[in-house]
Amino acid sequence: MADLENSKDLISVLWSGADILRSKMDANEYKDYLLGIVFYKYLSDSFLIKVYDLIYDEKPDSLKAALDAYKEALEDESAEELKEQIKSECHYVIEPDLTYTCFADAARNNSFNREQLQKAFNNIEQSDPLFVDLFTDIDLYSSRLGAGDQKQSDTISNLIKEIDKADLLNSDAEILGNAYEYLIGQFASETGKKAGEFYTPQAVSKILTRIAIAGQENRKGLSVYDPCMGSGSLLLNAKKYAAEPDYIKYYGQELNTSTFNLARMNMFLHGIVPENQVLRNGDTLDGDWPTGEETDFNMVLMNPPYSAKWSAAAGFLQDERFSEYGVLAPKSKADYAFLLHGLYHLKSKGTMAIVLPHGVLFRGAAEGKIREKLLRAGNIYAVIGLPANLFYNTSIPTCIVVLKKHRDGRDVLFIDASQKFEKGKKQNAMTDEHIDAVMELYKNRKTVEKESYLASFEDIEKNDFNLNIPRYVDNFEEEEEIDLDELLTSISTTDDEIEKTQAEFITLLKELTSTDEKIEASLSNLIRKMEG
């Protein structure tokens, strides 16, 4: 319960930080400032707590006490040794006057200096390849912060004071990670269409993760890969369902640099140690990655951009990811290119879950050929139709395609979850009950009337390899039979009521008079027409 309270307190502090910026810029911009400065506070506070622990082997009572102990230790002759030790554990060193604690004091005393914060950002970025260009998106000198130097500086200063109220000393990684996650979700809601670039709604993330981890929950050293990772939220879901979360290795790639930086921060804020995260800023389809030691994974999770354009250059036919299919995903729809990339990186006993538009289930031409090949190889394990309007950037209904690398059967389970949602103002939402119901159908792998259908390979072949869900799951609801006698009686009653009301209205009109001859004539005409 205390964790929940701490989490709520943290969220309200961070959200009031957003209020300082909300009137100045849109959510897509101010999320960079807010999340970046929260992250610097996290790095600084963690650093001071670690320093105090190294000196006294205990947790400090306050960050001020930790900063004082750090200053004192730096005057000691073993200061360099202490710095080396911290560097090896934290991967960075922060000088006392560049700690967040110092900045917050300066902000309260009206002596805050933006140059110092910029210097602090630069130092972190240069301390380890892990942090390269991490704060690039935070322009401390932007005119959006206010007109002129003083107002811009004041905005940052106010933000620092507000965020300083967040008690990270007594918040564990889970609380902080959840608060960060909540903020990202709120930004997605405010940002609308642009949110698709960095956020998969939690309900969809839960289903994807639970499907991909099923049967692998107890594996120590589980590897999870998301080639379109956005802010990393989907990847991080794995730790919620794993028996050995500390040993999970996360692999992710993201094309958008701002979003990539968000994912890097998100990883740290969830307490993921650097050794367990391998993240890359790059184009997933353009060149294959990863190609080093670790190239296939226990879990592959994906929510790629839907029907995106890609080059589909002929050279890709020689690319190992696509070569055995003989054709490429069309230029205007990269959906199958993303799917095949993910499948290529799946371990033989692993599971992949990807969200795509329904078109991938039935479109013909090259996509039809790829789909048939996948079905003949037994790669497609399940197809789940999701409710419409779940995502921030599109209202179209989507589906989850579940894939396996090598298995004995070629049957496919179809689940129609399109009605499992609660209607919201902007978006529809799936509750935990809805998610559990989908997982129950998935695990039982049986035909349930109007909900799921286990199709044999012969069923699919008869349908020309078309996987459109209504072909397999009939969710047609027969309308109630209409009692004609009852309907006729109802019509007759309504007619009587109309007649009665009209007669009353004509009586009222006849009582109206006017000295204007034109109006009087019009009234007479109207009464004549109504009397028929």
Protein backbone atom coordinates (compact mmCIF):
# COMPACT_ATOMS: atom_id res chain seq x y z
CA MET A 1 0.00 0.00 0.00
CA ALA A 2 2.88 2.35 0.87
CA ASP A 3 4.31 1.65 -2.60
CA LEU A 4 1.03 2.71 -4.19
CA GLU A 5 0.96 5.90 -2.10
CA ASN A 6 4.60 6.71 -2.97
CA SER A 7 3.84 6.08 -6.63
CA LYS A 8 0.83 8.43 -6.51
CA ASP A 9 2.85 11.15 -4.74
CA LEU A 10 5.59 10.83 -7.31
CA ILE A 11 3.13 11.00 -10.20
CA SER A 12 1.43 14.13 -8.83
CA VAL A 13 4.80 15.91 -8.41
CA LEU A 14 5.90 14.99 -11.91
CA TRP A 15 2.53 15.98 -13.35
CA SER A 16 2.67 19.40 -11.69
CA GLY A 17 6.08 19.75 -13.36
CA ALA A 18 4.26 19.22 -16.66
CA ASP A 19 1.85 22.06 -15.73
CA ILE A 20 4.78 24.50 -15.71
CA LEU A 21 5.46 23.71 -19.37
CA ARG A 22 1.99 22.88 -20.66
CA SER A 23 1.04 26.45 -21.62
CA LYS A 24 4.31 26.97 -23.48
CA MET A 25 4.51 23.96 -25.83
CA ASP A 26 2.69 20.79 -26.82
CA ALA A 27 3.06 17.48 -25.02
CA ASN A 28 5.34 16.02 -27.66
CA GLU A 29 7.90 18.73 -26.87
CA TYR A 30 7.52 19.17 -23.15
CA LYS A 31 7.79 15.45 -22.47
CA ASP A 32 11.48 15.75 -23.45
CA TYR A 33 12.15 18.46 -20.87
CA LEU A 34 10.19 16.84 -18.09
CA LEU A 35 11.40 13.26 -18.57
CA GLY A 36 14.98 14.41 -19.21
CA ILE A 37 15.20 16.52 -16.05
CA VAL A 38 13.51 13.77 -13.98
CA PHE A 39 16.14 11.40 -15.36
CA TYR A 40 18.99 13.73 -14.39
CA LYS A 41 17.57 13.92 -10.86
CA TYR A 42 17.45 10.11 -10.81
CA LEU A 43 21.12 9.88 -11.92
CA SER A 44 22.20 12.51 -9.39
CA ASP A 45 20.22 11.11 -6.43
CA SER A 46 21.31 7.53 -7.19
CA PHE A 47 24.90 8.74 -7.39
CA LEU A 48 24.80 10.47 -3.97
CA ILE A 49 23.09 7.49 -2.33
CA LYS A 50 25.78 5.18 -3.80
CA VAL A 51 28.60 7.50 -2.61
CA TYR A 52 27.20 7.58 0.93
CA ASP A 53 26.83 3.81 0.90
CA LEU A 54 30.47 3.37 -0.21
CA ILE A 55 31.69 5.70 2.55
CA TYR A 56 29.46 4.60 5.45
CA ASP A 57 27.96 1.33 4.22
CA GLU A 58 24.42 2.57 4.84
CA LYS A 59 21.64 4.65 3.32
CA PRO A 60 21.76 8.43 4.01
CA ASP A 61 18.98 10.20 5.94
CA SER A 62 18.81 12.87 3.27
CA LEU A 63 20.43 13.83 -0.03
CA LYS A 64 21.90 16.90 1.70
CA ALA A 65 23.69 14.60 4.17
CA ALA A 66 24.96 12.49 1.26
CA LEU A 67 26.22 15.60 -0.59
CA ASP A 68 28.07 16.84 2.52
CA ALA A 69 29.68 13.43 3.00
CA TYR A 70 30.72 13.42 -0.69
CA LYS A 71 32.31 16.91 -0.44
CA GLU A 72 34.22 15.85 2.66
CA ALA A 73 35.41 12.61 1.03
CA LEU A 74 36.76 14.54 -1.97
CA GLU A 75 39.15 16.40 0.33
CA ASP A 76 40.56 13.10 1.48
CA GLU A 77 43.67 11.63 -0.17
CA SER A 78 41.70 8.54 -1.23
CA ALA A 79 39.29 10.73 -3.27
CA GLU A 80 40.54 9.43 -6.65
CA GLU A 81 40.07 5.85 -5.50
CA LEU A 82 36.50 6.64 -4.42
CA LYS A 83 35.77 8.27 -7.81
CA GLU A 84 37.14 5.24 -9.65
CA GLN A 85 34.98 2.91 -7.58
CA ILE A 86 31.84 4.99 -8.21
CA LYS A 87 32.63 5.23 -11.92
CA SER A 88 32.91 1.45 -12.22
CA GLU A 89 29.55 0.97 -10.47
CA CYS A 90 27.53 3.89 -11.85
CA HIS A 91 29.33 4.45 -15.20
CA TYR A 92 29.49 8.20 -14.45
CA VAL A 93 30.76 10.69 -11.87
CA ILE A 94 28.99 13.95 -10.92
CA GLU A 95 30.93 16.81 -9.31
CA PRO A 96 29.28 18.19 -6.11
CA ASP A 97 28.29 21.54 -7.68
CA LEU A 98 26.61 19.74 -10.60
CA THR A 99 24.37 17.50 -8.48
CA TYR A 100 20.61 18.00 -8.72
CA THR A 101 20.62 18.76 -4.98
CA CYS A 102 22.86 21.78 -5.67
CA PHE A 103 20.72 22.94 -8.61
CA ALA A 104 17.55 22.73 -6.51
CA ASP A 105 19.16 24.82 -3.73
CA ALA A 106 20.28 27.39 -6.31
CA ALA A 107 16.77 27.49 -7.82
CA ARG A 108 15.25 28.15 -4.38
CA ASN A 109 17.79 30.96 -3.78
CA ASN A 110 17.20 32.51 -7.22
CA SER A 111 20.80 31.82 -8.21
CA PHE A 112 20.22 28.96 -10.66
CA ASN A 113 22.43 29.00 -13.75
CA ARG A 114 21.38 27.19 -16.94
CA GLU A 115 24.99 26.90 -18.09
CA GLN A 116 25.71 24.66 -15.10
CA LEU A 117 22.84 22.30 -15.96
CA GLN A 118 24.01 22.18 -19.60
CA LYS A 119 27.51 21.36 -18.36
CA ALA A 120 26.06 18.59 -16.16
CA PHE A 121 24.23 17.09 -19.16
CA ASN A 122 27.39 17.23 -21.28
CA ASN A 123 29.47 15.54 -18.57
CA ILE A 124 27.04 12.63 -18.30
CA GLU A 125 26.91 12.22 -22.09
CA GLN A 126 30.71 12.09 -22.27
CA SER A 127 31.20 9.76 -19.31
CA ASP A 128 30.23 6.48 -21.03
CA PRO A 129 28.96 5.30 -24.45
CA LEU A 130 25.76 4.30 -22.58
CA PHE A 131 24.83 7.98 -22.24
CA VAL A 132 25.99 9.42 -25.59
CA ASP A 133 23.63 12.18 -26.83
CA LEU A 134 21.09 11.26 -24.16
CA PHE A 135 20.01 14.85 -23.45
CA THR A 136 20.15 16.09 -27.07
CA ASP A 137 16.42 16.88 -27.16
CA ILE A 138 16.52 19.24 -24.19
CA ASP A 139 17.18 22.75 -25.49
CA LEU A 140 17.73 24.83 -22.34
CA TYR A 141 17.92 27.99 -24.49
CA SER A 142 14.72 27.50 -26.48
CA SER A 143 12.51 30.55 -27.05
CA ARG A 144 9.55 28.28 -26.25
CA LEU A 145 10.56 28.41 -22.59
CA GLY A 146 9.80 32.15 -22.53
CA ALA A 147 10.73 35.51 -24.04
CA GLY A 148 14.30 36.41 -23.18
CA ASP A 149 17.02 34.94 -20.99
CA GLN A 150 15.43 35.62 -17.63
CA LYS A 151 12.05 34.05 -18.40
CA GLN A 152 13.64 30.99 -20.01
CA SER A 153 15.92 30.51 -17.02
CA ASP A 154 12.97 30.97 -14.64
CA THR A 155 10.96 28.26 -16.41
CA ILE A 156 13.78 25.72 -16.00
CA SER A 157 14.39 26.89 -12.43
CA ASN A 158 10.69 26.42 -11.55
CA LEU A 159 10.72 22.99 -13.13
CA ILE A 160 13.78 21.98 -11.08
CA LYS A 161 12.16 23.19 -7.84
CA GLU A 162 8.95 21.30 -8.59
CA ILE A 163 10.63 18.03 -9.54
CA ASP A 164 12.84 18.26 -6.45
CA LYS A 165 9.70 17.45 -4.40
CA ALA A 166 9.85 13.91 -5.82
CA ASP A 167 11.35 11.70 -3.12
CA LEU A 168 13.56 9.31 -5.05
CA LEU A 169 15.60 8.45 -1.94
CA ASN A 170 12.67 6.45 -0.57
CA SER A 171 11.27 5.21 -3.90
CA ASP A 172 12.50 1.93 -5.33
CA ALA A 173 13.03 1.34 -9.05
CA GLU A 174 9.57 -0.15 -9.46
CA ILE A 175 7.79 2.93 -8.07
CA LEU A 176 9.88 5.30 -10.15
CA GLY A 177 9.55 3.12 -13.25
CA ASN A 178 5.77 2.96 -12.85
CA ALA A 179 5.50 6.73 -12.38
CA TYR A 180 7.61 7.29 -15.52
CA GLU A 181 5.48 4.76 -17.40
CA TYR A 182 2.31 6.55 -16.28
CA LEU A 183 3.69 9.89 -17.49
CA ILE A 184 4.60 8.44 -20.88
CA GLY A 185 1.02 7.11 -21.14
CA GLN A 186 -0.39 10.55 -20.24
CA PHE A 187 1.80 12.23 -22.86
CA ALA A 188 0.60 9.67 -25.39
CA SER A 189 -3.00 10.58 -24.53
CA GLU A 190 -2.32 14.34 -24.87
CA THR A 191 -0.22 13.99 -28.00
CA GLY A 192 -2.75 11.91 -29.90
CA LYS A 193 -1.56 10.87 -33.35
CA LYS A 194 2.17 11.34 -32.68
CA ALA A 195 1.91 8.96 -29.71
CA GLY A 196 1.97 5.89 -31.93
CA GLU A 197 5.69 6.52 -32.38
CA PHE A 198 6.51 5.86 -28.76
CA TYR A 199 3.70 4.11 -26.95
CA THR A 200 1.76 0.84 -27.02
CA PRO A 201 -1.30 0.93 -24.71
CA GLN A 202 -0.69 -1.14 -21.59
CA ALA A 203 -3.54 -3.59 -22.28
CA VAL A 204 -2.06 -4.53 -25.66
CA SER A 205 1.44 -4.71 -24.13
CA LYS A 206 0.15 -7.11 -21.46
CA ILE A 207 -1.45 -9.47 -24.00
CA LEU A 208 1.64 -9.46 -26.26
CA THR A 209 3.98 -10.11 -23.32
CA ARG A 210 1.85 -12.79 -21.66
CA ILE A 211 1.56 -14.64 -24.96
CA ALA A 212 5.27 -14.44 -25.77
CA ILE A 213 6.41 -15.44 -22.28
CA ALA A 214 3.89 -18.31 -21.85
CA GLY A 215 5.83 -21.48 -20.99
CA GLN A 216 9.09 -19.53 -20.56
CA GLU A 217 8.30 -17.72 -17.29
CA ASN A 218 10.86 -19.73 -15.29
CA ARG A 219 13.70 -19.48 -17.78
CA LYS A 220 16.78 -17.88 -16.24
CA GLY A 221 18.49 -15.51 -18.65
CA LEU A 222 15.40 -14.93 -20.78
CA SER A 223 16.13 -12.77 -23.85
CA VAL A 224 13.52 -10.37 -25.22
CA TYR A 225 13.74 -8.37 -28.45
CA ASP A 226 11.66 -5.47 -29.80
CA PRO A 227 12.90 -4.12 -33.15
CA CYS A 228 10.49 -1.13 -32.98
CA MET A 229 10.78 -0.46 -29.27
CA GLY A 230 9.44 3.11 -28.98
CA SER A 231 9.89 4.18 -25.35
CA GLY A 232 10.75 0.61 -24.30
CA SER A 233 7.51 0.06 -22.36
CA LEU A 234 6.66 -3.14 -24.23
CA LEU A 235 10.11 -4.63 -23.60
CA LEU A 236 9.95 -3.77 -19.91
CA ASN A 237 6.69 -5.66 -19.45
CA ALA A 238 8.65 -8.93 -19.52
CA LYS A 239 9.97 -8.38 -15.98
CA LYS A 240 6.39 -8.32 -14.61
CA TYR A 241 5.77 -11.92 -15.66
CA ALA A 242 9.21 -13.54 -15.30
CA ALA A 243 10.27 -15.65 -12.30
CA GLU A 244 13.89 -14.39 -12.66
CA PRO A 245 13.46 -10.75 -13.74
CA ASP A 246 17.01 -9.71 -12.78
CA TYR A 247 18.47 -12.01 -15.44
CA ILE A 248 16.40 -10.84 -18.43
CA LYS A 249 18.43 -9.39 -21.32
CA TYR A 250 16.68 -6.66 -23.29
CA TYR A 251 17.44 -6.01 -26.95
CA GLY A 252 15.74 -3.12 -28.71
CA GLN A 253 16.04 -0.89 -31.75
CA GLU A 254 14.32 2.43 -32.50
CA LEU A 255 14.54 4.70 -35.54
CA ASN A 256 13.43 7.99 -33.93
CA THR A 257 16.34 9.44 -31.88
CA SER A 258 14.16 11.28 -29.32
CA THR A 259 12.15 8.12 -28.71
CA PHE A 260 15.34 6.06 -28.52
CA ASN A 261 16.62 8.38 -25.76
CA LEU A 262 13.31 7.99 -23.94
CA ALA A 263 13.73 4.20 -24.03
CA ARG A 264 17.28 4.42 -22.65
CA MET A 265 16.09 6.54 -19.72
CA ASN A 266 13.11 4.23 -19.17
CA MET A 267 15.43 1.22 -18.89
CA PHE A 268 17.56 2.87 -16.18
CA LEU A 269 14.54 4.14 -14.29
CA HIS A 270 13.23 0.57 -14.12
CA GLY A 271 16.49 -0.51 -12.54
CA ILE A 272 17.83 -2.44 -15.57
CA VAL A 273 21.59 -2.74 -15.21
CA PRO A 274 23.67 -1.63 -18.23
CA GLU A 275 24.95 -5.19 -18.86
CA ASN A 276 21.35 -6.36 -19.48
CA GLN A 277 20.34 -3.75 -22.05
CA VAL A 278 21.49 -3.71 -25.67
CA LEU A 279 19.72 -0.83 -27.41
CA ARG A 280 20.36 0.69 -30.82
CA ASN A 281 19.23 3.78 -32.70
CA GLY A 282 18.66 2.62 -36.28
CA ASP A 283 16.35 1.51 -39.09
CA THR A 284 15.15 -2.05 -38.48
CA LEU A 285 14.38 -2.90 -42.10
CA ASP A 286 17.26 -1.12 -43.77
CA GLY A 287 20.02 -3.30 -42.33
CA ASP A 288 19.69 -6.36 -40.16
CA TRP A 289 20.44 -6.06 -36.44
CA PRO A 290 21.58 -7.63 -34.20
CA THR A 291 24.19 -9.54 -36.17
CA GLY A 292 26.79 -10.13 -33.41
CA GLU A 293 26.91 -12.91 -30.83
CA GLU A 294 23.22 -12.77 -29.85
CA THR A 295 21.02 -12.88 -32.93
CA ASP A 296 17.96 -14.86 -31.87
CA PHE A 297 15.73 -14.48 -28.84
CA ASN A 298 13.26 -16.31 -26.57
CA MET A 299 10.66 -13.59 -27.00
CA VAL A 300 10.08 -11.20 -29.89
CA LEU A 301 7.53 -8.42 -29.25
CA MET A 302 6.53 -5.89 -31.89
CA ASN A 303 4.13 -3.03 -32.51
CA PRO A 304 5.60 -1.66 -35.77
CA PRO A 305 4.26 1.37 -37.67
CA TYR A 306 1.25 0.07 -39.65
CA SER A 307 1.47 -0.19 -43.43
CA ALA A 308 4.63 1.95 -43.46
CA LYS A 309 6.55 2.59 -46.68
CA TRP A 310 9.95 0.97 -47.22
CA SER A 311 12.35 0.69 -50.16
CA ALA A 312 11.59 -2.99 -51.04
CA ALA A 313 14.78 -2.80 -53.14
CA ALA A 314 15.56 -5.97 -55.16
CA GLY A 315 18.73 -6.48 -53.10
CA PHE A 316 16.56 -7.48 -50.14
CA LEU A 317 15.74 -10.73 -51.97
CA GLN A 318 19.29 -11.82 -51.05
CA ASP A 319 18.81 -10.73 -47.42
CA GLU A 320 18.58 -13.81 -45.18
CA ARG A 321 15.53 -12.38 -43.41
CA PHE A 322 13.48 -12.38 -46.63
CA SER A 323 15.28 -14.59 -49.17
CA GLU A 324 13.38 -17.85 -48.65
CA TYR A 325 10.01 -16.24 -49.42
CA GLY A 326 10.87 -15.38 -53.03
CA VAL A 327 8.98 -12.06 -52.87
CA LEU A 328 9.17 -8.89 -50.77
CA ALA A 329 6.52 -7.02 -48.83
CA PRO A 330 5.15 -4.24 -51.10
CA LYS A 331 6.77 -0.80 -51.04
CA SER A 332 3.63 0.83 -49.68
CA LYS A 333 3.06 -1.77 -46.91
CA ALA A 334 6.07 -2.94 -44.90
CA ASP A 335 3.94 -5.03 -42.48
CA TYR A 336 5.30 -8.40 -43.63
CA ALA A 337 8.87 -7.04 -43.77
CA PHE A 338 8.62 -6.26 -40.04
CA LEU A 339 6.99 -9.63 -39.35
CA LEU A 340 9.69 -11.60 -41.21
CA HIS A 341 12.46 -9.60 -39.53
CA GLY A 342 11.05 -10.54 -36.12
CA LEU A 343 10.55 -14.20 -37.05
CA TYR A 344 14.13 -14.43 -38.34
CA HIS A 345 15.37 -13.37 -34.89
CA LEU A 346 13.21 -15.83 -32.94
CA LYS A 347 14.77 -18.85 -31.21
CA SER A 348 13.44 -22.25 -32.33
CA LYS A 349 11.50 -22.72 -29.07
CA GLY A 350 10.58 -19.06 -28.66
CA THR A 351 7.35 -17.14 -29.31
CA MET A 352 6.76 -13.95 -31.26
CA ALA A 353 3.72 -11.66 -30.92
CA ILE A 354 3.20 -8.73 -33.31
CA VAL A 355 0.36 -6.17 -33.68
CA LEU A 356 -0.66 -5.43 -37.28
CA PRO A 357 -3.64 -4.11 -39.27
CA HIS A 358 -6.17 -6.73 -40.41
CA GLY A 359 -5.07 -6.35 -44.06
CA VAL A 360 -2.16 -8.73 -43.45
CA LEU A 361 -4.70 -11.52 -42.92
CA PHE A 362 -6.28 -11.37 -46.36
CA ARG A 363 -4.41 -9.13 -48.83
CA GLY A 364 -3.22 -10.97 -51.93
CA ALA A 365 -0.26 -10.65 -54.34
CA ALA A 366 3.18 -10.75 -52.62
CA GLU A 367 1.61 -10.64 -49.15
CA GLY A 368 -0.58 -13.63 -50.05
CA LYS A 369 2.48 -15.61 -51.13
CA ILE A 370 4.38 -14.81 -47.91
CA ARG A 371 1.34 -15.71 -45.81
CA GLU A 372 0.90 -19.06 -47.60
CA LYS A 373 4.57 -19.92 -47.08
CA LEU A 374 4.32 -19.08 -43.37
CA LEU A 375 1.18 -21.22 -43.02
CA ARG A 376 2.70 -24.18 -44.89
CA ALA A 377 5.71 -24.00 -42.54
CA GLY A 378 3.43 -23.92 -39.47
CA ASN A 379 4.85 -20.54 -38.38
CA ILE A 380 1.49 -18.88 -37.72
CA TYR A 381 0.23 -20.17 -34.38
CA ALA A 382 -2.66 -17.83 -33.55
CA VAL A 383 -4.53 -14.76 -34.80
CA ILE A 384 -6.33 -12.51 -32.30
CA GLY A 385 -8.70 -9.74 -33.41
CA LEU A 386 -8.54 -6.74 -31.06
CA PRO A 387 -11.20 -4.06 -30.45
CA ALA A 388 -11.14 -0.93 -32.62
CA ASN A 389 -9.86 2.43 -31.31
CA LEU A 390 -7.42 1.05 -28.72
CA PHE A 391 -4.45 3.06 -29.97
CA TYR A 392 -3.73 6.77 -29.73
CA ASN A 393 -2.63 7.16 -33.35
CA THR A 394 -5.27 5.17 -35.21
CA SER A 395 -8.86 4.07 -34.72
CA ILE A 396 -8.58 1.07 -37.07
CA PRO A 397 -9.06 -2.38 -35.58
CA THR A 398 -5.83 -4.35 -35.30
CA CYS A 399 -4.88 -7.95 -34.72
CA ILE A 400 -2.13 -9.84 -32.93
CA VAL A 401 -0.34 -12.50 -34.98
CA VAL A 402 1.48 -15.12 -32.87
CA LEU A 403 4.36 -16.97 -34.52
CA LYS A 404 6.57 -19.98 -33.68
CA LYS A 405 9.78 -21.03 -35.44
CA HIS A 406 9.48 -24.84 -35.49
CA ARG A 407 6.50 -26.86 -34.35
CA ASP A 408 4.78 -30.10 -35.32
CA GLY A 409 1.29 -28.85 -36.21
CA ARG A 410 0.03 -26.38 -38.78
CA ASP A 411 -3.30 -25.54 -37.15
CA VAL A 412 -4.12 -21.91 -36.33
CA LEU A 413 -6.16 -20.65 -33.39
CA PHE A 414 -8.46 -17.71 -34.19
CA ILE A 415 -9.77 -15.52 -31.36
CA ASP A 416 -12.29 -12.75 -31.85
CA ALA A 417 -11.72 -10.30 -28.98
CA SER A 418 -13.20 -7.35 -30.89
CA GLN A 419 -16.05 -6.91 -28.38
CA LYS A 420 -13.91 -7.24 -25.25
CA PHE A 421 -13.54 -3.57 -24.33
CA GLU A 422 -14.87 -0.68 -22.30
CA LYS A 423 -15.82 2.44 -24.22
CA GLY A 424 -13.81 5.51 -23.29
CA LYS A 425 -14.05 9.20 -24.28
CA LYS A 426 -11.09 9.16 -26.66
CA GLN A 427 -9.98 5.53 -26.72
CA ASN A 428 -11.52 2.20 -25.96
CA ALA A 429 -9.80 0.19 -23.22
CA MET A 430 -9.42 -3.47 -22.36
CA THR A 431 -9.65 -4.27 -18.65
CA ASP A 432 -7.67 -7.02 -16.88
CA GLU A 433 -10.83 -9.18 -17.05
CA HIS A 434 -10.88 -8.81 -20.84
CA ILE A 435 -7.18 -9.66 -21.02
CA ASP A 436 -7.61 -12.73 -18.79
CA ALA A 437 -10.50 -13.91 -20.98
CA VAL A 438 -8.30 -13.64 -24.10
CA MET A 439 -5.45 -15.51 -22.37
CA GLU A 440 -7.86 -18.26 -21.26
CA LEU A 441 -8.99 -18.79 -24.87
CA TYR A 442 -5.36 -18.69 -26.04
CA LYS A 443 -4.13 -21.26 -23.51
CA ASN A 444 -7.08 -23.66 -23.96
CA ARG A 445 -6.62 -23.61 -27.74
CA LYS A 446 -10.12 -24.91 -28.47
CA THR A 447 -13.15 -23.87 -30.48
CA VAL A 448 -15.59 -21.84 -28.38
CA GLU A 449 -18.77 -20.69 -30.10
CA LYS A 450 -18.64 -17.02 -31.19
CA GLU A 451 -15.25 -16.56 -29.49
CA SER A 452 -12.55 -18.82 -30.93
CA TYR A 453 -11.94 -21.44 -33.59
CA LEU A 454 -9.08 -23.93 -33.93
CA ALA A 455 -8.66 -24.23 -37.69
CA SER A 456 -6.91 -27.20 -39.25
CA PHE A 457 -4.47 -26.66 -42.12
CA GLU A 458 -7.14 -28.14 -44.43
CA ASP A 459 -9.66 -25.49 -43.26
CA ILE A 460 -7.16 -22.76 -44.09
CA GLU A 461 -6.21 -24.30 -47.43
CA LYS A 462 -9.92 -24.45 -48.39
CA ASN A 463 -10.09 -20.72 -47.65
CA ASP A 464 -7.15 -20.06 -50.04
CA PHE A 465 -4.93 -19.15 -47.06
CA ASN A 466 -7.17 -16.21 -46.20
CA LEU A 467 -7.00 -15.63 -42.42
CA ASN A 468 -9.77 -13.06 -42.08
CA ILE A 469 -11.21 -13.82 -38.63
CA PRO A 470 -14.97 -13.78 -39.54
CA ARG A 471 -14.30 -16.70 -41.93
CA TYR A 472 -13.51 -18.84 -38.89
CA VAL A 473 -15.25 -17.28 -35.89
CA ASP A 474 -18.92 -16.57 -36.51
CA ASN A 475 -19.93 -13.84 -34.08
CA PHE A 476 -23.19 -13.03 -35.88
CA GLU A 477 -25.95 -12.34 -33.37
CA GLU A 478 -29.45 -13.11 -34.66
CA GLU A 479 -31.83 -10.27 -34.00
CA GLU A 480 -34.94 -10.99 -31.97
CA GLU A 481 -38.00 -11.94 -34.04
CA ILE A 482 -40.48 -9.10 -34.38
CA ASP A 483 -44.10 -9.74 -33.32
CA LEU A 484 -46.04 -8.23 -36.26
CA ASP A 485 -49.37 -7.98 -34.36
CA GLU A 486 -47.63 -6.09 -31.58
CA LEU A 487 -45.95 -3.80 -34.12
CA LEU A 488 -49.28 -3.03 -35.89
CA THR A 489 -50.99 -2.23 -32.56
CA SER A 490 -48.07 0.07 -31.66
CA ILE A 491 -48.30 1.87 -35.05
CA SER A 492 -52.06 2.30 -34.67
CA THR A 493 -51.67 3.76 -31.15
CA THR A 494 -49.01 6.19 -32.42
CA ASP A 495 -51.26 7.29 -35.32
CA ASP A 496 -54.13 8.00 -32.88
CA GLU A 497 -51.82 10.07 -30.68
CA ILE A 498 -50.56 12.07 -33.67
CA GLU A 499 -54.14 12.76 -34.81
CA LYS A 500 -55.18 13.90 -31.34
CA THR A 501 -52.14 16.20 -30.96
CA GLN A 502 -52.74 17.70 -34.41
CA ALA A 503 -56.38 18.45 -33.60
CA GLU A 504 -55.32 20.22 -30.40
CA PHE A 505 -52.74 22.22 -32.32
CA ILE A 506 -55.31 23.33 -34.95
CA THR A 507 -57.67 24.48 -32.17
CA LEU A 508 -54.84 26.61 -30.72
CA LEU A 509 -54.06 28.08 -34.16
CA LYS A 510 -57.72 29.08 -34.68
CA GLU A 511 -57.57 31.14 -31.50
CA LEU A 512 -54.69 33.23 -32.90
CA THR A 513 -55.56 36.60 -34.45
CA SER A 514 -53.63 39.41 -36.09
CA THR A 515 -54.29 42.95 -37.31
CA ASP A 516 -51.95 42.28 -40.21
CA GLU A 517 -53.96 40.98 -43.18
CA LYS A 518 -50.95 39.09 -44.62
CA ILE A 519 -50.36 37.17 -41.38
CA GLU A 520 -54.09 36.50 -41.02
CA ALA A 521 -54.18 35.03 -44.58
CA SER A 522 -51.10 32.86 -43.89
CA LEU A 523 -52.68 31.50 -40.70
CA SER A 524 -55.87 30.59 -42.58
CA ASN A 525 -53.82 28.80 -45.28
CA LEU A 526 -51.88 26.82 -42.65
CA ILE A 527 -55.10 25.75 -40.85
CA ARG A 528 -56.69 24.67 -44.19
CA LYS A 529 -53.60 22.57 -45.11
CA MET A 530 -53.51 20.88 -41.70
CA GLU A 531 -57.21 20.09 -41.80
CA GLY A 532 -56.42 18.44 -45.11
